[in-house]
Amino acid sequence: MAYVVTENCIRCKYTDCVEVCPVDCFYAGENFLVINPDECIDCGVCEPECPAEAIFPDSDDRATPWLEVNSKYAAVWPNITRKIDSMPDADDWKDKPGKEAMLSPEPHKD
């Protein structure tokens, strides 16, 4: 089992979840975070920390279409282990549906 970051993180990229992860299994893209399912220990501490409520256990149907996305990008994006600023307009995008097409494949840049 693992936790999965889903669509609601796109264009928000809050990193409160990253700060509490005991195994540092988050990876950062330009406008999205993912969890490496092979590294996640299923502890669940990240889920309640996400202001966008974008993290679900892989057993939840809302996570199913995002499991492959998390696996794919965790293999190529840089690992993130500390909280950083969210997207500048994150609060405007939080809870907006239909953001999947906005997911950037580009990695996070400092």
PDB file of N, CA and C in Angstrom:
ATOM      1  N   MET A   1       0.835  -1.187   0.000  1.00  0.00           N
ATOM      2  CA  MET A   1       0.000   0.000   0.000  1.00  0.00           C
ATOM      3  C   MET A   1       0.877   1.247   0.000  1.00  0.00           C
ATOM      4  N   ALA A   2       0.291   2.294  -0.541  1.00  0.00           N
ATOM      5  CA  ALA A   2       0.988   3.573  -0.609  1.00  0.00           C
ATOM      6  C   ALA A   2      -0.049   4.684  -0.675  1.00  0.00           C
ATOM      7  N   TYR A   3       0.414   5.884  -0.482  1.00  0.00           N
ATOM      8  CA  TYR A   3      -0.439   7.046  -0.670  1.00  0.00           C
ATOM      9  C   TYR A   3      -0.115   7.658  -2.021  1.00  0.00           C
ATOM     10  N   VAL A   4      -1.079   8.367  -2.587  1.00  0.00           N
ATOM     11  CA  VAL A   4      -0.984   8.885  -3.947  1.00  0.00           C
ATOM     12  C   VAL A   4      -1.431  10.341  -3.960  1.00  0.00           C
ATOM     13  N   VAL A   5      -0.685  11.183  -4.670  1.00  0.00           N
ATOM     14  CA  VAL A   5      -1.074  12.573  -4.867  1.00  0.00           C
ATOM     15  C   VAL A   5      -1.948  12.624  -6.123  1.00  0.00           C
ATOM     16  N   THR A   6      -3.059  13.349  -6.033  1.00  0.00           N
ATOM     17  CA  THR A   6      -4.026  13.384  -7.126  1.00  0.00           C
ATOM     18  C   THR A   6      -4.183  14.798  -7.701  1.00  0.00           C
ATOM     19  N   GLU A   7      -5.098  14.921  -8.643  1.00  0.00           N
ATOM     20  CA  GLU A   7      -5.290  16.128  -9.442  1.00  0.00           C
ATOM     21  C   GLU A   7      -5.365  17.439  -8.659  1.00  0.00           C
ATOM     22  N   ASN A   8      -5.943  17.426  -7.487  1.00  0.00           N
ATOM     23  CA  ASN A   8      -6.142  18.690  -6.788  1.00  0.00           C
ATOM     24  C   ASN A   8      -4.831  19.374  -6.391  1.00  0.00           C
ATOM     25  N   CYS A   9      -3.716  18.668  -6.458  1.00  0.00           N
ATOM     26  CA  CYS A   9      -2.418  19.271  -6.169  1.00  0.00           C
ATOM     27  C   CYS A   9      -1.910  20.139  -7.331  1.00  0.00           C
ATOM     28  N   ILE A  10      -2.377  19.858  -8.523  1.00  0.00           N
ATOM     29  CA  ILE A  10      -1.897  20.591  -9.702  1.00  0.00           C
ATOM     30  C   ILE A  10      -2.178  22.085  -9.550  1.00  0.00           C
ATOM     31  N   ARG A  11      -1.148  22.879  -9.792  1.00  0.00           N
ATOM     32  CA  ARG A  11      -1.159  24.338  -9.707  1.00  0.00           C
ATOM     33  C   ARG A  11      -1.278  24.852  -8.282  1.00  0.00           C
ATOM     34  N   CYS A  12      -1.210  23.960  -7.298  1.00  0.00           N
ATOM     35  CA  CYS A  12      -1.196  24.362  -5.884  1.00  0.00           C
ATOM     36  C   CYS A  12       0.188  24.060  -5.317  1.00  0.00           C
ATOM     37  N   LYS A  13       0.517  22.764  -5.315  1.00  0.00           N
ATOM     38  CA  LYS A  13       1.823  22.297  -4.861  1.00  0.00           C
ATOM     39  C   LYS A  13       2.173  22.785  -3.459  1.00  0.00           C
ATOM     40  N   TYR A  14       1.215  22.631  -2.562  1.00  0.00           N
ATOM     41  CA  TYR A  14       1.510  22.888  -1.153  1.00  0.00           C
ATOM     42  C   TYR A  14       2.470  21.794  -0.692  1.00  0.00           C
ATOM     43  N   THR A  15       3.388  22.107   0.166  1.00  0.00           N
ATOM     44  CA  THR A  15       4.364  21.100   0.583  1.00  0.00           C
ATOM     45  C   THR A  15       4.315  20.800   2.077  1.00  0.00           C
ATOM     46  N   ASP A  16       3.195  21.067   2.711  1.00  0.00           N
ATOM     47  CA  ASP A  16       3.024  20.728   4.117  1.00  0.00           C
ATOM     48  C   ASP A  16       3.217  19.225   4.325  1.00  0.00           C
ATOM     49  N   CYS A  17       2.788  18.442   3.357  1.00  0.00           N
ATOM     50  CA  CYS A  17       2.894  16.979   3.406  1.00  0.00           C
ATOM     51  C   CYS A  17       4.344  16.519   3.410  1.00  0.00           C
ATOM     52  N   VAL A  18       5.166  17.192   2.649  1.00  0.00           N
ATOM     53  CA  VAL A  18       6.580  16.847   2.536  1.00  0.00           C
ATOM     54  C   VAL A  18       7.274  16.954   3.890  1.00  0.00           C
ATOM     55  N   GLU A  19       6.924  17.996   4.600  1.00  0.00           N
ATOM     56  CA  GLU A  19       7.563  18.297   5.880  1.00  0.00           C
ATOM     57  C   GLU A  19       7.370  17.190   6.920  1.00  0.00           C
ATOM     58  N   VAL A  20       6.268  16.455   6.842  1.00  0.00           N
ATOM     59  CA  VAL A  20       5.975  15.430   7.854  1.00  0.00           C
ATOM     60  C   VAL A  20       6.343  14.013   7.424  1.00  0.00           C
ATOM     61  N   CYS A  21       6.728  13.828   6.186  1.00  0.00           N
ATOM     62  CA  CYS A  21       7.022  12.482   5.673  1.00  0.00           C
ATOM     63  C   CYS A  21       8.287  11.913   6.326  1.00  0.00           C
ATOM     64  N   PRO A  22       8.148  10.771   7.016  1.00  0.00           N
ATOM     65  CA  PRO A  22       9.315  10.200   7.701  1.00  0.00           C
ATOM     66  C   PRO A  22      10.305   9.489   6.784  1.00  0.00           C
ATOM     67  N   VAL A  23       9.910   9.222   5.532  1.00  0.00           N
ATOM     68  CA  VAL A  23      10.809   8.494   4.629  1.00  0.00           C
ATOM     69  C   VAL A  23      11.180   9.293   3.381  1.00  0.00           C
ATOM     70  N   ASP A  24      10.817  10.569   3.343  1.00  0.00           N
ATOM     71  CA  ASP A  24      11.198  11.460   2.242  1.00  0.00           C
ATOM     72  C   ASP A  24      10.864  10.871   0.869  1.00  0.00           C
ATOM     73  N   CYS A  25       9.610  10.474   0.679  1.00  0.00           N
ATOM     74  CA  CYS A  25       9.223   9.825  -0.578  1.00  0.00           C
ATOM     75  C   CYS A  25       8.483  10.756  -1.538  1.00  0.00           C
ATOM     76  N   PHE A  26       8.580  12.074  -1.325  1.00  0.00           N
ATOM     77  CA  PHE A  26       7.946  13.038  -2.229  1.00  0.00           C
ATOM     78  C   PHE A  26       8.941  13.520  -3.281  1.00  0.00           C
ATOM     79  N   TYR A  27       8.405  13.764  -4.477  1.00  0.00           N
ATOM     80  CA  TYR A  27       9.195  14.255  -5.596  1.00  0.00           C
ATOM     81  C   TYR A  27       8.450  15.431  -6.202  1.00  0.00           C
ATOM     82  N   ALA A  28       9.201  16.438  -6.660  1.00  0.00           N
ATOM     83  CA  ALA A  28       8.589  17.697  -7.066  1.00  0.00           C
ATOM     84  C   ALA A  28       8.722  17.985  -8.549  1.00  0.00           C
ATOM     85  N   GLY A  29       7.586  18.298  -9.128  1.00  0.00           N
ATOM     86  CA  GLY A  29       7.539  18.789 -10.487  1.00  0.00           C
ATOM     87  C   GLY A  29       7.351  20.293 -10.473  1.00  0.00           C
ATOM     88  N   GLU A  30       7.239  20.861 -11.629  1.00  0.00           N
ATOM     89  CA  GLU A  30       7.077  22.308 -11.756  1.00  0.00           C
ATOM     90  C   GLU A  30       5.809  22.798 -11.041  1.00  0.00           C
ATOM     91  N   ASN A  31       4.706  22.044 -11.166  1.00  0.00           N
ATOM     92  CA  ASN A  31       3.454  22.495 -10.553  1.00  0.00           C
ATOM     93  C   ASN A  31       2.668  21.379  -9.858  1.00  0.00           C
ATOM     94  N   PHE A  32       3.381  20.327  -9.424  1.00  0.00           N
ATOM     95  CA  PHE A  32       2.716  19.152  -8.857  1.00  0.00           C
ATOM     96  C   PHE A  32       3.728  18.368  -8.033  1.00  0.00           C
ATOM     97  N   LEU A  33       3.242  17.651  -7.032  1.00  0.00           N
ATOM     98  CA  LEU A  33       4.077  16.744  -6.246  1.00  0.00           C
ATOM     99  C   LEU A  33       3.615  15.317  -6.500  1.00  0.00           C
ATOM    100  N   VAL A  34       4.519  14.374  -6.327  1.00  0.00           N
ATOM    101  CA  VAL A  34       4.142  12.960  -6.391  1.00  0.00           C
ATOM    102  C   VAL A  34       4.801  12.222  -5.231  1.00  0.00           C
ATOM    103  N   ILE A  35       4.249  11.057  -4.944  1.00  0.00           N
ATOM    104  CA  ILE A  35       4.799  10.154  -3.937  1.00  0.00           C
ATOM    105  C   ILE A  35       5.328   8.932  -4.660  1.00  0.00           C
ATOM    106  N   ASN A  36       6.534   8.526  -4.325  1.00  0.00           N
ATOM    107  CA  ASN A  36       7.063   7.294  -4.892  1.00  0.00           C
ATOM    108  C   ASN A  36       6.395   6.127  -4.164  1.00  0.00           C
ATOM    109  N   PRO A  37       5.552   5.347  -4.860  1.00  0.00           N
ATOM    110  CA  PRO A  37       4.823   4.273  -4.182  1.00  0.00           C
ATOM    111  C   PRO A  37       5.728   3.155  -3.679  1.00  0.00           C
ATOM    112  N   ASP A  38       6.919   3.038  -4.227  1.00  0.00           N
ATOM    113  CA  ASP A  38       7.853   2.008  -3.773  1.00  0.00           C
ATOM    114  C   ASP A  38       8.568   2.424  -2.486  1.00  0.00           C
ATOM    115  N   GLU A  39       8.559   3.712  -2.185  1.00  0.00           N
ATOM    116  CA  GLU A  39       9.215   4.220  -0.979  1.00  0.00           C
ATOM    117  C   GLU A  39       8.233   4.521   0.145  1.00  0.00           C
ATOM    118  N   CYS A  40       6.987   4.768  -0.194  1.00  0.00           N
ATOM    119  CA  CYS A  40       5.965   5.117   0.799  1.00  0.00           C
ATOM    120  C   CYS A  40       5.738   3.932   1.738  1.00  0.00           C
ATOM    121  N   ILE A  41       5.701   4.221   3.028  1.00  0.00           N
ATOM    122  CA  ILE A  41       5.504   3.153   4.022  1.00  0.00           C
ATOM    123  C   ILE A  41       4.066   3.104   4.526  1.00  0.00           C
ATOM    124  N   ASP A  42       3.177   3.835   3.853  1.00  0.00           N
ATOM    125  CA  ASP A  42       1.748   3.790   4.154  1.00  0.00           C
ATOM    126  C   ASP A  42       1.439   4.255   5.579  1.00  0.00           C
ATOM    127  N   CYS A  43       2.199   5.203   6.080  1.00  0.00           N
ATOM    128  CA  CYS A  43       1.961   5.676   7.451  1.00  0.00           C
ATOM    129  C   CYS A  43       0.778   6.633   7.521  1.00  0.00           C
ATOM    130  N   GLY A  44       0.515   7.353   6.432  1.00  0.00           N
ATOM    131  CA  GLY A  44      -0.639   8.224   6.362  1.00  0.00           C
ATOM    132  C   GLY A  44      -0.494   9.598   6.983  1.00  0.00           C
ATOM    133  N   VAL A  45       0.678   9.952   7.485  1.00  0.00           N
ATOM    134  CA  VAL A  45       0.813  11.256   8.133  1.00  0.00           C
ATOM    135  C   VAL A  45       0.694  12.423   7.151  1.00  0.00           C
ATOM    136  N   CYS A  46       0.936  12.183   5.880  1.00  0.00           N
ATOM    137  CA  CYS A  46       0.862  13.246   4.887  1.00  0.00           C
ATOM    138  C   CYS A  46      -0.574  13.637   4.544  1.00  0.00           C
ATOM    139  N   GLU A  47      -1.466  12.684   4.559  1.00  0.00           N
ATOM    140  CA  GLU A  47      -2.844  12.918   4.103  1.00  0.00           C
ATOM    141  C   GLU A  47      -3.533  14.075   4.821  1.00  0.00           C
ATOM    142  N   PRO A  48      -3.559  14.126   6.152  1.00  0.00           N
ATOM    143  CA  PRO A  48      -4.254  15.234   6.814  1.00  0.00           C
ATOM    144  C   PRO A  48      -3.511  16.570   6.721  1.00  0.00           C
ATOM    145  N   GLU A  49      -2.248  16.547   6.316  1.00  0.00           N
ATOM    146  CA  GLU A  49      -1.469  17.785   6.212  1.00  0.00           C
ATOM    147  C   GLU A  49      -1.699  18.525   4.898  1.00  0.00           C
ATOM    148  N   CYS A  50      -2.286  17.887   3.919  1.00  0.00           N
ATOM    149  CA  CYS A  50      -2.466  18.493   2.599  1.00  0.00           C
ATOM    150  C   CYS A  50      -3.623  19.486   2.612  1.00  0.00           C
ATOM    151  N   PRO A  51      -3.340  20.792   2.449  1.00  0.00           N
ATOM    152  CA  PRO A  51      -4.408  21.792   2.443  1.00  0.00           C
ATOM    153  C   PRO A  51      -5.384  21.616   1.276  1.00  0.00           C
ATOM    154  N   ALA A  52      -4.925  20.998   0.192  1.00  0.00           N
ATOM    155  CA  ALA A  52      -5.775  20.790  -0.982  1.00  0.00           C
ATOM    156  C   ALA A  52      -6.535  19.472  -0.923  1.00  0.00           C
ATOM    157  N   GLU A  53      -6.297  18.679   0.108  1.00  0.00           N
ATOM    158  CA  GLU A  53      -6.921  17.355   0.238  1.00  0.00           C
ATOM    159  C   GLU A  53      -6.742  16.542  -1.046  1.00  0.00           C
ATOM    160  N   ALA A  54      -5.488  16.489  -1.509  1.00  0.00           N
ATOM    161  CA  ALA A  54      -5.157  15.828  -2.764  1.00  0.00           C
ATOM    162  C   ALA A  54      -4.479  14.478  -2.574  1.00  0.00           C
ATOM    163  N   ILE A  55      -4.316  14.014  -1.339  1.00  0.00           N
ATOM    164  CA  ILE A  55      -3.598  12.766  -1.076  1.00  0.00           C
ATOM    165  C   ILE A  55      -4.576  11.710  -0.565  1.00  0.00           C
ATOM    166  N   PHE A  56      -4.508  10.526  -1.201  1.00  0.00           N
ATOM    167  CA  PHE A  56      -5.394   9.422  -0.846  1.00  0.00           C
ATOM    168  C   PHE A  56      -4.608   8.118  -0.802  1.00  0.00           C
ATOM    169  N   PRO A  57      -5.071   7.148  -0.023  1.00  0.00           N
ATOM    170  CA  PRO A  57      -4.434   5.834  -0.066  1.00  0.00           C
ATOM    171  C   PRO A  57      -4.721   5.186  -1.425  1.00  0.00           C
ATOM    172  N   ASP A  58      -3.806   4.350  -1.888  1.00  0.00           N
ATOM    173  CA  ASP A  58      -3.998   3.738  -3.206  1.00  0.00           C
ATOM    174  C   ASP A  58      -5.208   2.810  -3.258  1.00  0.00           C
ATOM    175  N   SER A  59      -5.774   2.476  -2.131  1.00  0.00           N
ATOM    176  CA  SER A  59      -6.978   1.649  -2.091  1.00  0.00           C
ATOM    177  C   SER A  59      -8.251   2.472  -2.354  1.00  0.00           C
ATOM    178  N   ASP A  60      -8.128   3.780  -2.362  1.00  0.00           N
ATOM    179  CA  ASP A  60      -9.255   4.679  -2.623  1.00  0.00           C
ATOM    180  C   ASP A  60      -9.413   4.827  -4.138  1.00  0.00           C
ATOM    181  N   ASP A  61     -10.620   4.716  -4.643  1.00  0.00           N
ATOM    182  CA  ASP A  61     -10.865   4.810  -6.084  1.00  0.00           C
ATOM    183  C   ASP A  61     -10.393   6.137  -6.682  1.00  0.00           C
ATOM    184  N   ARG A  62     -10.378   7.205  -5.884  1.00  0.00           N
ATOM    185  CA  ARG A  62      -9.918   8.504  -6.391  1.00  0.00           C
ATOM    186  C   ARG A  62      -8.418   8.492  -6.690  1.00  0.00           C
ATOM    187  N   ALA A  63      -7.688   7.564  -6.091  1.00  0.00           N
ATOM    188  CA  ALA A  63      -6.239   7.479  -6.302  1.00  0.00           C
ATOM    189  C   ALA A  63      -5.865   6.635  -7.513  1.00  0.00           C
ATOM    190  N   THR A  64      -6.709   5.721  -7.895  1.00  0.00           N
ATOM    191  CA  THR A  64      -6.380   4.739  -8.940  1.00  0.00           C
ATOM    192  C   THR A  64      -5.804   5.357 -10.213  1.00  0.00           C
ATOM    193  N   PRO A  65      -6.450   6.361 -10.816  1.00  0.00           N
ATOM    194  CA  PRO A  65      -5.888   6.900 -12.059  1.00  0.00           C
ATOM    195  C   PRO A  65      -4.581   7.668 -11.872  1.00  0.00           C
ATOM    196  N   TRP A  66      -4.231   7.979 -10.640  1.00  0.00           N
ATOM    197  CA  TRP A  66      -3.041   8.777 -10.363  1.00  0.00           C
ATOM    198  C   TRP A  66      -1.840   7.955  -9.905  1.00  0.00           C
ATOM    199  N   LEU A  67      -2.040   6.691  -9.652  1.00  0.00           N
ATOM    200  CA  LEU A  67      -0.938   5.841  -9.199  1.00  0.00           C
ATOM    201  C   LEU A  67       0.166   5.768 -10.247  1.00  0.00           C
ATOM    202  N   GLU A  68      -0.203   5.585 -11.496  1.00  0.00           N
ATOM    203  CA  GLU A  68       0.794   5.517 -12.567  1.00  0.00           C
ATOM    204  C   GLU A  68       1.520   6.855 -12.737  1.00  0.00           C
ATOM    205  N   VAL A  69       0.795   7.963 -12.604  1.00  0.00           N
ATOM    206  CA  VAL A  69       1.403   9.302 -12.702  1.00  0.00           C
ATOM    207  C   VAL A  69       2.443   9.479 -11.602  1.00  0.00           C
ATOM    208  N   ASN A  70       2.096   9.076 -10.378  1.00  0.00           N
ATOM    209  CA  ASN A  70       3.032   9.188  -9.265  1.00  0.00           C
ATOM    210  C   ASN A  70       4.275   8.345  -9.514  1.00  0.00           C
ATOM    211  N   SER A  71       4.093   7.119  -9.958  1.00  0.00           N
ATOM    212  CA  SER A  71       5.233   6.231 -10.241  1.00  0.00           C
ATOM    213  C   SER A  71       6.129   6.796 -11.332  1.00  0.00           C
ATOM    214  N   LYS A  72       5.516   7.259 -12.401  1.00  0.00           N
ATOM    215  CA  LYS A  72       6.261   7.777 -13.559  1.00  0.00           C
ATOM    216  C   LYS A  72       7.137   8.973 -13.180  1.00  0.00           C
ATOM    217  N   TYR A  73       6.546   9.949 -12.518  1.00  0.00           N
ATOM    218  CA  TYR A  73       7.300  11.166 -12.229  1.00  0.00           C
ATOM    219  C   TYR A  73       8.234  11.034 -11.031  1.00  0.00           C
ATOM    220  N   ALA A  74       7.936  10.131 -10.111  1.00  0.00           N
ATOM    221  CA  ALA A  74       8.859   9.904  -8.994  1.00  0.00           C
ATOM    222  C   ALA A  74      10.197   9.377  -9.498  1.00  0.00           C
ATOM    223  N   ALA A  75      10.176   8.740 -10.655  1.00  0.00           N
ATOM    224  CA  ALA A  75      11.405   8.193 -11.239  1.00  0.00           C
ATOM    225  C   ALA A  75      12.275   9.254 -11.907  1.00  0.00           C
ATOM    226  N   VAL A  76      11.704  10.424 -12.207  1.00  0.00           N
ATOM    227  CA  VAL A  76      12.471  11.428 -12.950  1.00  0.00           C
ATOM    228  C   VAL A  76      12.547  12.800 -12.289  1.00  0.00           C
ATOM    229  N   TRP A  77      11.652  13.097 -11.375  1.00  0.00           N
ATOM    230  CA  TRP A  77      11.678  14.396 -10.701  1.00  0.00           C
ATOM    231  C   TRP A  77      12.582  14.347  -9.480  1.00  0.00           C
ATOM    232  N   PRO A  78      13.076  15.504  -9.037  1.00  0.00           N
ATOM    233  CA  PRO A  78      13.950  15.533  -7.856  1.00  0.00           C
ATOM    234  C   PRO A  78      13.181  15.271  -6.560  1.00  0.00           C
ATOM    235  N   ASN A  79      13.848  14.607  -5.660  1.00  0.00           N
ATOM    236  CA  ASN A  79      13.305  14.344  -4.332  1.00  0.00           C
ATOM    237  C   ASN A  79      13.207  15.664  -3.580  1.00  0.00           C
ATOM    238  N   ILE A  80      12.143  15.830  -2.822  1.00  0.00           N
ATOM    239  CA  ILE A  80      11.966  17.028  -2.019  1.00  0.00           C
ATOM    240  C   ILE A  80      11.788  16.601  -0.569  1.00  0.00           C
ATOM    241  N   THR A  81      12.541  17.218   0.325  1.00  0.00           N
ATOM    242  CA  THR A  81      12.527  16.785   1.720  1.00  0.00           C
ATOM    243  C   THR A  81      12.182  17.907   2.701  1.00  0.00           C
ATOM    244  N   ARG A  82      11.915  19.096   2.178  1.00  0.00           N
ATOM    245  CA  ARG A  82      11.590  20.212   3.067  1.00  0.00           C
ATOM    246  C   ARG A  82      10.465  21.034   2.441  1.00  0.00           C
ATOM    247  N   LYS A  83       9.801  21.772   3.297  1.00  0.00           N
ATOM    248  CA  LYS A  83       8.704  22.619   2.842  1.00  0.00           C
ATOM    249  C   LYS A  83       9.258  23.789   2.039  1.00  0.00           C
ATOM    250  N   ILE A  84       8.608  24.068   0.917  1.00  0.00           N
ATOM    251  CA  ILE A  84       8.950  25.228   0.087  1.00  0.00           C
ATOM    252  C   ILE A  84       7.653  26.012  -0.149  1.00  0.00           C
ATOM    253  N   ASP A  85       7.779  27.169  -0.763  1.00  0.00           N
ATOM    254  CA  ASP A  85       6.597  27.967  -1.063  1.00  0.00           C
ATOM    255  C   ASP A  85       5.714  27.245  -2.069  1.00  0.00           C
ATOM    256  N   SER A  86       4.418  27.361  -1.881  1.00  0.00           N
ATOM    257  CA  SER A  86       3.466  26.794  -2.838  1.00  0.00           C
ATOM    258  C   SER A  86       3.460  27.666  -4.087  1.00  0.00           C
ATOM    259  N   MET A  87       2.687  27.272  -5.068  1.00  0.00           N
ATOM    260  CA  MET A  87       2.558  28.062  -6.293  1.00  0.00           C
ATOM    261  C   MET A  87       1.995  29.436  -5.904  1.00  0.00           C
ATOM    262  N   PRO A  88       2.404  30.509  -6.584  1.00  0.00           N
ATOM    263  CA  PRO A  88       1.966  31.858  -6.203  1.00  0.00           C
ATOM    264  C   PRO A  88       0.441  32.028  -6.154  1.00  0.00           C
ATOM    265  N   ASP A  89      -0.273  31.334  -7.041  1.00  0.00           N
ATOM    266  CA  ASP A  89      -1.726  31.459  -7.084  1.00  0.00           C
ATOM    267  C   ASP A  89      -2.422  30.181  -6.601  1.00  0.00           C
ATOM    268  N   ALA A  90      -1.757  29.466  -5.708  1.00  0.00           N
ATOM    269  CA  ALA A  90      -2.269  28.175  -5.220  1.00  0.00           C
ATOM    270  C   ALA A  90      -3.672  28.276  -4.645  1.00  0.00           C
ATOM    271  N   ASP A  91      -3.920  29.289  -3.861  1.00  0.00           N
ATOM    272  CA  ASP A  91      -5.238  29.406  -3.237  1.00  0.00           C
ATOM    273  C   ASP A  91      -6.344  29.613  -4.270  1.00  0.00           C
ATOM    274  N   ASP A  92      -6.011  30.238  -5.398  1.00  0.00           N
ATOM    275  CA  ASP A  92      -6.996  30.432  -6.470  1.00  0.00           C
ATOM    276  C   ASP A  92      -7.328  29.116  -7.179  1.00  0.00           C
ATOM    277  N   TRP A  93      -6.350  28.194  -7.233  1.00  0.00           N
ATOM    278  CA  TRP A  93      -6.529  26.934  -7.955  1.00  0.00           C
ATOM    279  C   TRP A  93      -7.002  25.787  -7.074  1.00  0.00           C
ATOM    280  N   LYS A  94      -6.862  25.950  -5.774  1.00  0.00           N
ATOM    281  CA  LYS A  94      -7.276  24.896  -4.848  1.00  0.00           C
ATOM    282  C   LYS A  94      -8.752  24.555  -5.062  1.00  0.00           C
ATOM    283  N   ASP A  95      -9.036  23.270  -5.152  1.00  0.00           N
ATOM    284  CA  ASP A  95     -10.396  22.746  -5.297  1.00  0.00           C
ATOM    285  C   ASP A  95     -11.038  22.974  -6.661  1.00  0.00           C
ATOM    286  N   LYS A  96     -10.282  23.454  -7.641  1.00  0.00           N
ATOM    287  CA  LYS A  96     -10.845  23.589  -8.981  1.00  0.00           C
ATOM    288  C   LYS A  96     -10.690  22.264  -9.716  1.00  0.00           C
ATOM    289  N   PRO A  97     -11.748  21.741 -10.289  1.00  0.00           N
ATOM    290  CA  PRO A  97     -11.669  20.479 -11.030  1.00  0.00           C
ATOM    291  C   PRO A  97     -11.112  20.703 -12.438  1.00  0.00           C
ATOM    292  N   GLY A  98     -10.799  19.608 -13.106  1.00  0.00           N
ATOM    293  CA  GLY A  98     -10.377  19.672 -14.502  1.00  0.00           C
ATOM    294  C   GLY A  98      -8.990  20.221 -14.734  1.00  0.00           C
ATOM    295  N   LYS A  99      -8.065  19.969 -13.809  1.00  0.00           N
ATOM    296  CA  LYS A  99      -6.709  20.513 -13.945  1.00  0.00           C
ATOM    297  C   LYS A  99      -5.717  19.511 -14.539  1.00  0.00           C
ATOM    298  N   GLU A 100      -6.139  18.310 -14.826  1.00  0.00           N
ATOM    299  CA  GLU A 100      -5.211  17.272 -15.280  1.00  0.00           C
ATOM    300  C   GLU A 100      -4.376  17.707 -16.476  1.00  0.00           C
ATOM    301  N   ALA A 101      -4.981  18.397 -17.437  1.00  0.00           N
ATOM    302  CA  ALA A 101      -4.254  18.838 -18.632  1.00  0.00           C
ATOM    303  C   ALA A 101      -3.188  19.882 -18.312  1.00  0.00           C
ATOM    304  N   MET A 102      -3.253  20.490 -17.134  1.00  0.00           N
ATOM    305  CA  MET A 102      -2.284  21.508 -16.739  1.00  0.00           C
ATOM    306  C   MET A 102      -1.044  20.914 -16.065  1.00  0.00           C
ATOM    307  N   LEU A 103      -1.037  19.619 -15.838  1.00  0.00           N
ATOM    308  CA  LEU A 103       0.103  18.979 -15.190  1.00  0.00           C
ATOM    309  C   LEU A 103       1.346  19.123 -16.063  1.00  0.00           C
ATOM    310  N   SER A 104       2.343  19.804 -15.547  1.00  0.00           N
ATOM    311  CA  SER A 104       3.599  19.989 -16.283  1.00  0.00           C
ATOM    312  C   SER A 104       4.519  18.799 -16.033  1.00  0.00           C
ATOM    313  N   PRO A 105       5.113  18.253 -17.084  1.00  0.00           N
ATOM    314  CA  PRO A 105       6.065  17.152 -16.909  1.00  0.00           C
ATOM    315  C   PRO A 105       7.448  17.625 -16.470  1.00  0.00           C
ATOM    316  N   GLU A 106       7.621  18.937 -16.396  1.00  0.00           N
ATOM    317  CA  GLU A 106       8.926  19.506 -16.050  1.00  0.00           C
ATOM    318  C   GLU A 106       9.220  19.325 -14.565  1.00  0.00           C
ATOM    319  N   PRO A 107      10.475  19.086 -14.224  1.00  0.00           N
ATOM    320  CA  PRO A 107      10.849  18.952 -12.807  1.00  0.00           C
ATOM    321  C   PRO A 107      10.877  20.300 -12.108  1.00  0.00           C
ATOM    322  N   HIS A 108      10.808  20.257 -10.793  1.00  0.00           N
ATOM    323  CA  HIS A 108      10.946  21.457  -9.968  1.00  0.00           C
ATOM    324  C   HIS A 108      12.348  22.024 -10.134  1.00  0.00           C
ATOM    325  N   LYS A 109      12.420  23.326 -10.196  1.00  0.00           N
ATOM    326  CA  LYS A 109      13.723  24.005 -10.244  1.00  0.00           C
ATOM    327  C   LYS A 109      13.791  24.943  -9.056  1.00  0.00           C
ATOM    328  N   ASP A 110      14.937  24.934  -8.376  1.00  0.00           N
ATOM    329  CA  ASP A 110      15.107  25.835  -7.225  1.00  0.00           C
ATOM    330  C   ASP A 110      15.226  27.267  -7.667  1.00  0.00           C
TER     331      ASP A 110
END
